[in-house]
Amino acid sequence: MIRTIIKSISVSAICVVSLDAYAEQATLMFSESDQNEQTFTLSVLKDKLATHQITIYDPHYEAEKAYDAFLLNDVMVLAYGKDWRNKPYTDVKFTALDGYQAVSTFDKISIAGGYIVYKAAAGWQPIGHHKANPGPFYMVWKGEMQTPEQAFPWPYQLASVNMLQFKDQYPLVYPEGVESVSTVYQGFEIFKDRCIKCHSMDQQGGKLGPDLNAPMSVVSYRSKDMLRKFIKQPSQFRYTQMPDHLDLSTEQIDSILDYLSYQGKISNVRKK
């Protein structure tokens, strides 16, 4: 009996050591416009960067959580150099293991408060609709207003980081030929902040949700009134991973619809 207990404890200890060793080999890839790729293991990141113990309110869990993490700025400096903010790019794309993409502007990423988490104090807890393990890397923000609703990226299962010129990376998503003060462009900016994480336009963008412009624009077979309601609160219509957007005004939602309509017309012109 005692031998069995000792053997069980030994096997458990070996499993814990093996899992820790496996976690140390987790990798995070960095690139610039999908070029100049370089990869760092967790072990290397811990060797080269200062680690921080943080406690934050995590909107994914709707609770306070304690994490071990690296400062986002430290990670960016290691991967891209101390002058990374001066590189000729407009956005940073964070891609998860399942294909989820969070695209954020340089201005937003440059704000202090971002962290790359590699360990949860209480162990990784299931997260999201599919109850996924958020590791090996999870991006979080410490500021009270640095939330997903404010378009700060919170991707879990983070696998890669890519600096890019949005217009070059997603030419079929960018509304070519419109003024920045137009409702079409304003709708594009909201789409970029909130929708491209999951949705694509003409097969460019996220892969989790449906393409909203191919083979047909969603505004061509759904009424604007129905789309307004669905964008505002999709949870009223179906069980879905798509979050509610209760903070968006009617004018903001209408600007998204203006953008979708414009891209639909442009897409039809390309096909002729």
C-alpha atoms as a PDB file:
ATOM      1  CA  MET A   1       0.000   0.000   0.000  1.00  0.00           C
ATOM      2  CA  ILE A   2       2.752   2.434   0.999  1.00  0.00           C
ATOM      3  CA  ARG A   3       4.750   1.462  -2.121  1.00  0.00           C
ATOM      4  CA  THR A   4       1.663   2.149  -4.272  1.00  0.00           C
ATOM      5  CA  ILE A   5       1.205   5.608  -2.710  1.00  0.00           C
ATOM      6  CA  ILE A   6       4.896   6.451  -3.151  1.00  0.00           C
ATOM      7  CA  LYS A   7       4.782   5.248  -6.756  1.00  0.00           C
ATOM      8  CA  SER A   8       1.669   7.363  -7.420  1.00  0.00           C
ATOM      9  CA  ILE A   9       3.330  10.454  -5.917  1.00  0.00           C
ATOM     10  CA  SER A  10       6.467   9.850  -7.988  1.00  0.00           C
ATOM     11  CA  VAL A  11       4.488   9.510 -11.228  1.00  0.00           C
ATOM     12  CA  SER A  12       2.563  12.707 -10.427  1.00  0.00           C
ATOM     13  CA  ALA A  13       5.800  14.571  -9.745  1.00  0.00           C
ATOM     14  CA  ILE A  14       7.286  13.377 -13.039  1.00  0.00           C
ATOM     15  CA  CYS A  15       4.142  14.527 -14.897  1.00  0.00           C
ATOM     16  CA  VAL A  16       4.359  17.994 -13.315  1.00  0.00           C
ATOM     17  CA  VAL A  17       8.045  18.294 -14.234  1.00  0.00           C
ATOM     18  CA  SER A  18       7.285  17.130 -17.784  1.00  0.00           C
ATOM     19  CA  LEU A  19       4.465  19.675 -18.178  1.00  0.00           C
ATOM     20  CA  ASP A  20       6.696  22.463 -16.862  1.00  0.00           C
ATOM     21  CA  ALA A  21       9.462  21.451 -19.273  1.00  0.00           C
ATOM     22  CA  TYR A  22       6.949  21.387 -22.134  1.00  0.00           C
ATOM     23  CA  ALA A  23       5.689  24.870 -21.205  1.00  0.00           C
ATOM     24  CA  GLU A  24       9.248  26.218 -21.236  1.00  0.00           C
ATOM     25  CA  GLN A  25       9.511  25.205 -24.899  1.00  0.00           C
ATOM     26  CA  ALA A  26       6.331  27.049 -25.933  1.00  0.00           C
ATOM     27  CA  THR A  27       7.143  29.470 -28.751  1.00  0.00           C
ATOM     28  CA  LEU A  28       6.096  32.944 -29.842  1.00  0.00           C
ATOM     29  CA  MET A  29       6.881  34.021 -33.406  1.00  0.00           C
ATOM     30  CA  PHE A  30       7.528  37.599 -34.564  1.00  0.00           C
ATOM     31  CA  SER A  31       7.637  39.007 -38.101  1.00  0.00           C
ATOM     32  CA  GLU A  32       7.378  42.174 -40.184  1.00  0.00           C
ATOM     33  CA  SER A  33       4.883  41.981 -43.063  1.00  0.00           C
ATOM     34  CA  ASP A  34       5.184  38.182 -42.803  1.00  0.00           C
ATOM     35  CA  GLN A  35       8.962  38.397 -43.328  1.00  0.00           C
ATOM     36  CA  ASN A  36      12.066  38.393 -41.114  1.00  0.00           C
ATOM     37  CA  GLU A  37      10.550  35.719 -38.902  1.00  0.00           C
ATOM     38  CA  GLN A  38      12.132  34.949 -35.560  1.00  0.00           C
ATOM     39  CA  THR A  39      10.910  32.708 -32.765  1.00  0.00           C
ATOM     40  CA  PHE A  40      11.519  32.782 -29.027  1.00  0.00           C
ATOM     41  CA  THR A  41      10.764  30.020 -26.560  1.00  0.00           C
ATOM     42  CA  LEU A  42       9.333  30.828 -23.154  1.00  0.00           C
ATOM     43  CA  SER A  43      12.627  29.725 -21.660  1.00  0.00           C
ATOM     44  CA  VAL A  44      14.533  32.296 -23.737  1.00  0.00           C
ATOM     45  CA  LEU A  45      12.018  35.055 -22.965  1.00  0.00           C
ATOM     46  CA  LYS A  46      12.393  34.393 -19.237  1.00  0.00           C
ATOM     47  CA  ASP A  47      16.164  34.442 -19.577  1.00  0.00           C
ATOM     48  CA  LYS A  48      16.250  37.774 -21.450  1.00  0.00           C
ATOM     49  CA  LEU A  49      13.351  39.722 -19.935  1.00  0.00           C
ATOM     50  CA  ALA A  50      12.234  40.849 -16.493  1.00  0.00           C
ATOM     51  CA  THR A  51       9.174  38.997 -15.221  1.00  0.00           C
ATOM     52  CA  HIS A  52       6.313  40.634 -13.340  1.00  0.00           C
ATOM     53  CA  GLN A  53       3.636  39.353 -10.999  1.00  0.00           C
ATOM     54  CA  ILE A  54       0.428  41.243 -11.736  1.00  0.00           C
ATOM     55  CA  THR A  55      -3.133  41.194 -10.468  1.00  0.00           C
ATOM     56  CA  ILE A  56      -5.776  42.534 -12.851  1.00  0.00           C
ATOM     57  CA  TYR A  57      -9.488  42.444 -13.463  1.00  0.00           C
ATOM     58  CA  ASP A  58      -9.835  40.028 -16.377  1.00  0.00           C
ATOM     59  CA  PRO A  59     -12.949  40.733 -18.484  1.00  0.00           C
ATOM     60  CA  HIS A  60     -12.847  37.241 -20.005  1.00  0.00           C
ATOM     61  CA  TYR A  61     -13.354  35.725 -16.558  1.00  0.00           C
ATOM     62  CA  GLU A  62     -15.166  38.731 -15.047  1.00  0.00           C
ATOM     63  CA  ALA A  63     -12.941  38.328 -11.990  1.00  0.00           C
ATOM     64  CA  GLU A  64      -9.582  39.364 -10.584  1.00  0.00           C
ATOM     65  CA  LYS A  65      -6.730  37.135 -11.715  1.00  0.00           C
ATOM     66  CA  ALA A  66      -3.057  36.904 -10.754  1.00  0.00           C
ATOM     67  CA  TYR A  67      -0.503  36.241 -13.482  1.00  0.00           C
ATOM     68  CA  ASP A  68       3.215  36.008 -14.185  1.00  0.00           C
ATOM     69  CA  ALA A  69       3.947  38.117 -17.242  1.00  0.00           C
ATOM     70  CA  PHE A  70       6.344  40.128 -19.384  1.00  0.00           C
ATOM     71  CA  LEU A  71       5.788  43.800 -20.169  1.00  0.00           C
ATOM     72  CA  LEU A  72       4.497  44.052 -23.739  1.00  0.00           C
ATOM     73  CA  ASN A  73       6.992  46.826 -24.479  1.00  0.00           C
ATOM     74  CA  ASP A  74       9.896  44.639 -23.281  1.00  0.00           C
ATOM     75  CA  VAL A  75       8.761  41.847 -25.593  1.00  0.00           C
ATOM     76  CA  MET A  76       8.482  44.240 -28.552  1.00  0.00           C
ATOM     77  CA  VAL A  77      11.945  45.694 -27.864  1.00  0.00           C
ATOM     78  CA  LEU A  78      13.456  42.201 -27.747  1.00  0.00           C
ATOM     79  CA  ALA A  79      11.805  41.177 -31.008  1.00  0.00           C
ATOM     80  CA  TYR A  80      12.019  44.415 -33.003  1.00  0.00           C
ATOM     81  CA  GLY A  81      14.591  46.640 -31.284  1.00  0.00           C
ATOM     82  CA  LYS A  82      14.267  49.649 -28.992  1.00  0.00           C
ATOM     83  CA  ASP A  83      13.024  51.866 -31.850  1.00  0.00           C
ATOM     84  CA  TRP A  84      10.171  49.504 -32.788  1.00  0.00           C
ATOM     85  CA  ARG A  85       7.625  52.328 -32.548  1.00  0.00           C
ATOM     86  CA  ASN A  86       9.439  54.194 -35.353  1.00  0.00           C
ATOM     87  CA  LYS A  87       9.208  51.363 -37.865  1.00  0.00           C
ATOM     88  CA  PRO A  88       7.192  52.118 -41.030  1.00  0.00           C
ATOM     89  CA  TYR A  89       4.069  50.200 -40.039  1.00  0.00           C
ATOM     90  CA  THR A  90       0.550  51.201 -39.004  1.00  0.00           C
ATOM     91  CA  ASP A  91      -0.702  48.144 -37.118  1.00  0.00           C
ATOM     92  CA  VAL A  92       0.253  45.001 -35.232  1.00  0.00           C
ATOM     93  CA  LYS A  93      -1.527  41.692 -35.813  1.00  0.00           C
ATOM     94  CA  PHE A  94      -1.735  39.185 -32.964  1.00  0.00           C
ATOM     95  CA  THR A  95      -2.700  35.686 -34.134  1.00  0.00           C
ATOM     96  CA  ALA A  96      -3.890  32.853 -31.896  1.00  0.00           C
ATOM     97  CA  LEU A  97      -3.426  29.125 -32.363  1.00  0.00           C
ATOM     98  CA  ASP A  98      -7.007  28.753 -33.666  1.00  0.00           C
ATOM     99  CA  GLY A  99      -6.596  31.473 -36.311  1.00  0.00           C
ATOM    100  CA  TYR A 100      -8.207  34.306 -34.341  1.00  0.00           C
ATOM    101  CA  GLN A 101      -6.619  37.631 -35.314  1.00  0.00           C
ATOM    102  CA  ALA A 102      -6.537  40.821 -33.275  1.00  0.00           C
ATOM    103  CA  VAL A 103      -5.292  43.827 -35.243  1.00  0.00           C
ATOM    104  CA  SER A 104      -4.420  46.952 -33.312  1.00  0.00           C
ATOM    105  CA  THR A 105      -2.868  50.273 -34.230  1.00  0.00           C
ATOM    106  CA  PHE A 106       0.674  51.205 -33.259  1.00  0.00           C
ATOM    107  CA  ASP A 107      -0.737  54.053 -31.163  1.00  0.00           C
ATOM    108  CA  LYS A 108      -2.784  51.671 -29.035  1.00  0.00           C
ATOM    109  CA  ILE A 109      -0.016  49.093 -28.627  1.00  0.00           C
ATOM    110  CA  SER A 110       2.403  51.839 -27.583  1.00  0.00           C
ATOM    111  CA  ILE A 111       0.304  52.768 -24.545  1.00  0.00           C
ATOM    112  CA  ALA A 112       1.674  51.471 -21.235  1.00  0.00           C
ATOM    113  CA  GLY A 113      -0.348  48.727 -19.554  1.00  0.00           C
ATOM    114  CA  GLY A 114       0.049  45.751 -21.874  1.00  0.00           C
ATOM    115  CA  TYR A 115       1.473  42.407 -20.737  1.00  0.00           C
ATOM    116  CA  ILE A 116       2.166  38.990 -22.235  1.00  0.00           C
ATOM    117  CA  VAL A 117       1.128  36.435 -19.617  1.00  0.00           C
ATOM    118  CA  TYR A 118       2.841  33.038 -19.516  1.00  0.00           C
ATOM    119  CA  LYS A 119       1.553  31.641 -16.223  1.00  0.00           C
ATOM    120  CA  ALA A 120      -1.585  31.930 -14.111  1.00  0.00           C
ATOM    121  CA  ALA A 121      -1.022  31.882 -10.354  1.00  0.00           C
ATOM    122  CA  ALA A 122      -3.925  29.470  -9.853  1.00  0.00           C
ATOM    123  CA  GLY A 123      -3.136  27.499 -13.011  1.00  0.00           C
ATOM    124  CA  TRP A 124      -4.705  28.045 -16.416  1.00  0.00           C
ATOM    125  CA  GLN A 125      -8.512  28.069 -16.206  1.00  0.00           C
ATOM    126  CA  PRO A 126     -10.785  27.350 -19.209  1.00  0.00           C
ATOM    127  CA  ILE A 127     -11.671  30.506 -21.121  1.00  0.00           C
ATOM    128  CA  GLY A 128     -14.111  31.555 -23.812  1.00  0.00           C
ATOM    129  CA  HIS A 129     -17.108  29.858 -25.404  1.00  0.00           C
ATOM    130  CA  HIS A 130     -15.189  26.637 -26.069  1.00  0.00           C
ATOM    131  CA  LYS A 131     -13.543  26.577 -22.630  1.00  0.00           C
ATOM    132  CA  ALA A 132     -10.063  26.630 -24.128  1.00  0.00           C
ATOM    133  CA  ASN A 133      -6.761  26.654 -22.273  1.00  0.00           C
ATOM    134  CA  PRO A 134      -5.564  30.276 -22.700  1.00  0.00           C
ATOM    135  CA  GLY A 135      -1.880  29.310 -22.642  1.00  0.00           C
ATOM    136  CA  PRO A 136       0.890  29.221 -23.495  1.00  0.00           C
ATOM    137  CA  PHE A 137       0.722  33.018 -24.004  1.00  0.00           C
ATOM    138  CA  TYR A 138      -2.122  35.392 -23.204  1.00  0.00           C
ATOM    139  CA  MET A 139      -2.162  39.129 -23.850  1.00  0.00           C
ATOM    140  CA  VAL A 140      -3.762  41.276 -21.126  1.00  0.00           C
ATOM    141  CA  TRP A 141      -3.991  44.927 -20.100  1.00  0.00           C
ATOM    142  CA  LYS A 142      -3.823  46.462 -16.654  1.00  0.00           C
ATOM    143  CA  GLY A 143      -5.614  49.778 -17.206  1.00  0.00           C
ATOM    144  CA  GLU A 144      -9.225  50.106 -16.122  1.00  0.00           C
ATOM    145  CA  MET A 145     -10.258  51.315 -19.583  1.00  0.00           C
ATOM    146  CA  GLN A 146      -7.956  48.991 -21.548  1.00  0.00           C
ATOM    147  CA  THR A 147     -10.720  46.519 -22.309  1.00  0.00           C
ATOM    148  CA  PRO A 148     -11.835  44.571 -25.386  1.00  0.00           C
ATOM    149  CA  GLU A 149     -14.776  46.992 -25.643  1.00  0.00           C
ATOM    150  CA  GLN A 150     -12.252  49.817 -26.047  1.00  0.00           C
ATOM    151  CA  ALA A 151     -10.555  47.846 -28.853  1.00  0.00           C
ATOM    152  CA  PHE A 152      -7.531  46.753 -26.815  1.00  0.00           C
ATOM    153  CA  PRO A 153      -6.434  43.279 -27.956  1.00  0.00           C
ATOM    154  CA  TRP A 154      -6.819  40.420 -25.425  1.00  0.00           C
ATOM    155  CA  PRO A 155      -5.924  37.334 -27.510  1.00  0.00           C
ATOM    156  CA  TYR A 156      -5.323  34.094 -25.662  1.00  0.00           C
ATOM    157  CA  GLN A 157      -3.388  31.111 -27.042  1.00  0.00           C
ATOM    158  CA  LEU A 158      -1.201  33.771 -28.653  1.00  0.00           C
ATOM    159  CA  ALA A 159       1.083  32.238 -31.287  1.00  0.00           C
ATOM    160  CA  SER A 160       2.494  35.070 -33.399  1.00  0.00           C
ATOM    161  CA  VAL A 161       2.966  38.829 -33.679  1.00  0.00           C
ATOM    162  CA  ASN A 162       3.263  40.557 -37.059  1.00  0.00           C
ATOM    163  CA  MET A 163       3.926  44.256 -37.740  1.00  0.00           C
ATOM    164  CA  LEU A 164       2.194  45.430 -40.897  1.00  0.00           C
ATOM    165  CA  GLN A 165       0.918  48.203 -43.092  1.00  0.00           C
ATOM    166  CA  PHE A 166      -2.800  47.489 -42.909  1.00  0.00           C
ATOM    167  CA  LYS A 167      -3.518  48.732 -46.412  1.00  0.00           C
ATOM    168  CA  ASP A 168      -0.855  46.427 -47.885  1.00  0.00           C
ATOM    169  CA  GLN A 169      -1.728  43.401 -45.741  1.00  0.00           C
ATOM    170  CA  TYR A 170      -5.501  43.638 -46.296  1.00  0.00           C
ATOM    171  CA  PRO A 171      -6.046  45.513 -49.582  1.00  0.00           C
ATOM    172  CA  LEU A 172      -9.547  44.031 -50.049  1.00  0.00           C
ATOM    173  CA  VAL A 173     -10.598  45.168 -46.561  1.00  0.00           C
ATOM    174  CA  TYR A 174      -9.306  48.722 -46.889  1.00  0.00           C
ATOM    175  CA  PRO A 175     -11.904  51.146 -48.355  1.00  0.00           C
ATOM    176  CA  GLU A 176      -9.886  52.610 -51.200  1.00  0.00           C
ATOM    177  CA  GLY A 177     -10.861  56.070 -52.414  1.00  0.00           C
ATOM    178  CA  VAL A 178     -12.857  57.370 -49.439  1.00  0.00           C
ATOM    179  CA  GLU A 179     -12.175  60.351 -47.208  1.00  0.00           C
ATOM    180  CA  SER A 180     -11.133  59.699 -43.620  1.00  0.00           C
ATOM    181  CA  VAL A 181     -14.022  61.907 -42.408  1.00  0.00           C
ATOM    182  CA  SER A 182     -16.655  59.850 -44.262  1.00  0.00           C
ATOM    183  CA  THR A 183     -19.031  57.458 -42.520  1.00  0.00           C
ATOM    184  CA  VAL A 184     -17.616  54.663 -44.703  1.00  0.00           C
ATOM    185  CA  TYR A 185     -14.117  55.202 -43.299  1.00  0.00           C
ATOM    186  CA  GLN A 186     -15.434  55.535 -39.757  1.00  0.00           C
ATOM    187  CA  GLY A 187     -17.230  52.225 -40.216  1.00  0.00           C
ATOM    188  CA  PHE A 188     -14.032  50.667 -41.546  1.00  0.00           C
ATOM    189  CA  GLU A 189     -12.144  51.758 -38.421  1.00  0.00           C
ATOM    190  CA  ILE A 190     -14.745  50.112 -36.180  1.00  0.00           C
ATOM    191  CA  PHE A 191     -14.661  46.992 -38.360  1.00  0.00           C
ATOM    192  CA  LYS A 192     -10.872  46.881 -38.064  1.00  0.00           C
ATOM    193  CA  ASP A 193     -10.993  47.290 -34.280  1.00  0.00           C
ATOM    194  CA  ARG A 194     -13.814  44.878 -33.552  1.00  0.00           C
ATOM    195  CA  CYS A 195     -14.781  42.659 -36.471  1.00  0.00           C
ATOM    196  CA  ILE A 196     -11.694  41.592 -38.390  1.00  0.00           C
ATOM    197  CA  LYS A 197     -10.683  39.491 -35.389  1.00  0.00           C
ATOM    198  CA  CYS A 198     -13.188  36.899 -36.609  1.00  0.00           C
ATOM    199  CA  HIS A 199     -14.632  38.061 -39.942  1.00  0.00           C
ATOM    200  CA  SER A 200     -13.065  38.526 -43.359  1.00  0.00           C
ATOM    201  CA  MET A 201     -13.868  40.627 -46.408  1.00  0.00           C
ATOM    202  CA  ASP A 202     -13.276  38.864 -49.726  1.00  0.00           C
ATOM    203  CA  GLN A 203     -11.360  36.166 -47.786  1.00  0.00           C
ATOM    204  CA  GLN A 204      -8.970  38.608 -46.131  1.00  0.00           C
ATOM    205  CA  GLY A 205      -9.117  38.801 -42.333  1.00  0.00           C
ATOM    206  CA  GLY A 206     -10.286  36.522 -39.536  1.00  0.00           C
ATOM    207  CA  LYS A 207     -11.257  32.897 -40.046  1.00  0.00           C
ATOM    208  CA  LEU A 208     -13.616  32.167 -37.146  1.00  0.00           C
ATOM    209  CA  GLY A 209     -16.717  33.932 -38.455  1.00  0.00           C
ATOM    210  CA  PRO A 210     -18.233  34.087 -41.961  1.00  0.00           C
ATOM    211  CA  ASP A 211     -16.902  36.260 -44.757  1.00  0.00           C
ATOM    212  CA  LEU A 212     -19.115  39.357 -44.897  1.00  0.00           C
ATOM    213  CA  ASN A 213     -18.451  40.240 -48.533  1.00  0.00           C
ATOM    214  CA  ALA A 214     -17.967  36.996 -50.439  1.00  0.00           C
ATOM    215  CA  PRO A 215     -19.472  35.479 -52.390  1.00  0.00           C
ATOM    216  CA  MET A 216     -22.155  38.078 -51.567  1.00  0.00           C
ATOM    217  CA  SER A 217     -22.192  41.097 -49.291  1.00  0.00           C
ATOM    218  CA  VAL A 218     -24.211  40.473 -46.146  1.00  0.00           C
ATOM    219  CA  VAL A 219     -26.130  43.720 -46.769  1.00  0.00           C
ATOM    220  CA  SER A 220     -27.473  42.275 -50.036  1.00  0.00           C
ATOM    221  CA  TYR A 221     -29.465  39.513 -48.310  1.00  0.00           C
ATOM    222  CA  ARG A 222     -30.107  40.910 -44.814  1.00  0.00           C
ATOM    223  CA  SER A 223     -32.112  44.051 -44.080  1.00  0.00           C
ATOM    224  CA  LYS A 224     -30.298  46.953 -42.441  1.00  0.00           C
ATOM    225  CA  ASP A 225     -32.786  46.921 -39.580  1.00  0.00           C
ATOM    226  CA  MET A 226     -32.060  43.264 -38.853  1.00  0.00           C
ATOM    227  CA  LEU A 227     -28.289  43.824 -39.131  1.00  0.00           C
ATOM    228  CA  ARG A 228     -28.450  46.783 -36.729  1.00  0.00           C
ATOM    229  CA  LYS A 229     -30.129  44.610 -34.121  1.00  0.00           C
ATOM    230  CA  PHE A 230     -27.805  41.659 -34.714  1.00  0.00           C
ATOM    231  CA  ILE A 231     -24.606  43.707 -34.504  1.00  0.00           C
ATOM    232  CA  LYS A 232     -25.856  45.395 -31.348  1.00  0.00           C
ATOM    233  CA  GLN A 233     -26.798  42.206 -29.518  1.00  0.00           C
ATOM    234  CA  PRO A 234     -26.241  38.907 -31.347  1.00  0.00           C
ATOM    235  CA  SER A 235     -26.895  36.981 -28.119  1.00  0.00           C
ATOM    236  CA  GLN A 236     -30.605  37.764 -28.569  1.00  0.00           C
ATOM    237  CA  PHE A 237     -30.627  35.810 -31.837  1.00  0.00           C
ATOM    238  CA  ARG A 238     -28.438  32.760 -31.228  1.00  0.00           C
ATOM    239  CA  TYR A 239     -25.796  31.127 -29.075  1.00  0.00           C
ATOM    240  CA  THR A 240     -22.627  32.496 -30.634  1.00  0.00           C
ATOM    241  CA  GLN A 241     -19.037  33.474 -29.964  1.00  0.00           C
ATOM    242  CA  MET A 242     -19.789  36.918 -31.370  1.00  0.00           C
ATOM    243  CA  PRO A 243     -19.844  39.430 -28.488  1.00  0.00           C
ATOM    244  CA  ASP A 244     -22.601  41.950 -27.905  1.00  0.00           C
ATOM    245  CA  HIS A 245     -21.749  45.556 -28.798  1.00  0.00           C
ATOM    246  CA  LEU A 246     -24.134  47.375 -26.504  1.00  0.00           C
ATOM    247  CA  ASP A 247     -21.782  50.341 -26.263  1.00  0.00           C
ATOM    248  CA  LEU A 248     -22.025  51.128 -29.980  1.00  0.00           C
ATOM    249  CA  SER A 249     -24.421  53.917 -30.901  1.00  0.00           C
ATOM    250  CA  THR A 250     -26.916  53.650 -33.756  1.00  0.00           C
ATOM    251  CA  GLU A 251     -24.740  56.084 -35.724  1.00  0.00           C
ATOM    252  CA  GLN A 252     -21.668  53.890 -35.239  1.00  0.00           C
ATOM    253  CA  ILE A 253     -23.515  50.770 -36.332  1.00  0.00           C
ATOM    254  CA  ASP A 254     -24.879  52.622 -39.355  1.00  0.00           C
ATOM    255  CA  SER A 255     -21.317  53.592 -40.280  1.00  0.00           C
ATOM    256  CA  ILE A 256     -20.386  49.887 -40.229  1.00  0.00           C
ATOM    257  CA  LEU A 257     -23.292  49.192 -42.574  1.00  0.00           C
ATOM    258  CA  ASP A 258     -22.156  52.068 -44.845  1.00  0.00           C
ATOM    259  CA  TYR A 259     -18.708  50.460 -44.956  1.00  0.00           C
ATOM    260  CA  LEU A 260     -20.138  47.011 -45.750  1.00  0.00           C
ATOM    261  CA  SER A 261     -22.323  48.489 -48.494  1.00  0.00           C
ATOM    262  CA  TYR A 262     -19.389  50.357 -50.011  1.00  0.00           C
ATOM    263  CA  GLN A 263     -17.161  47.270 -50.018  1.00  0.00           C
ATOM    264  CA  GLY A 264     -19.961  45.238 -51.553  1.00  0.00           C
ATOM    265  CA  LYS A 265     -20.226  47.680 -54.455  1.00  0.00           C
ATOM    266  CA  ILE A 266     -16.443  47.772 -54.922  1.00  0.00           C
ATOM    267  CA  SER A 267     -16.327  43.976 -54.914  1.00  0.00           C
ATOM    268  CA  ASN A 268     -18.987  43.810 -57.625  1.00  0.00           C
ATOM    269  CA  VAL A 269     -16.965  46.237 -59.766  1.00  0.00           C
ATOM    270  CA  ARG A 270     -13.866  44.034 -59.399  1.00  0.00           C
ATOM    271  CA  LYS A 271     -15.793  40.958 -60.566  1.00  0.00           C
ATOM    272  CA  LYS A 272     -16.895  42.612 -63.842  1.00  0.00           C
END
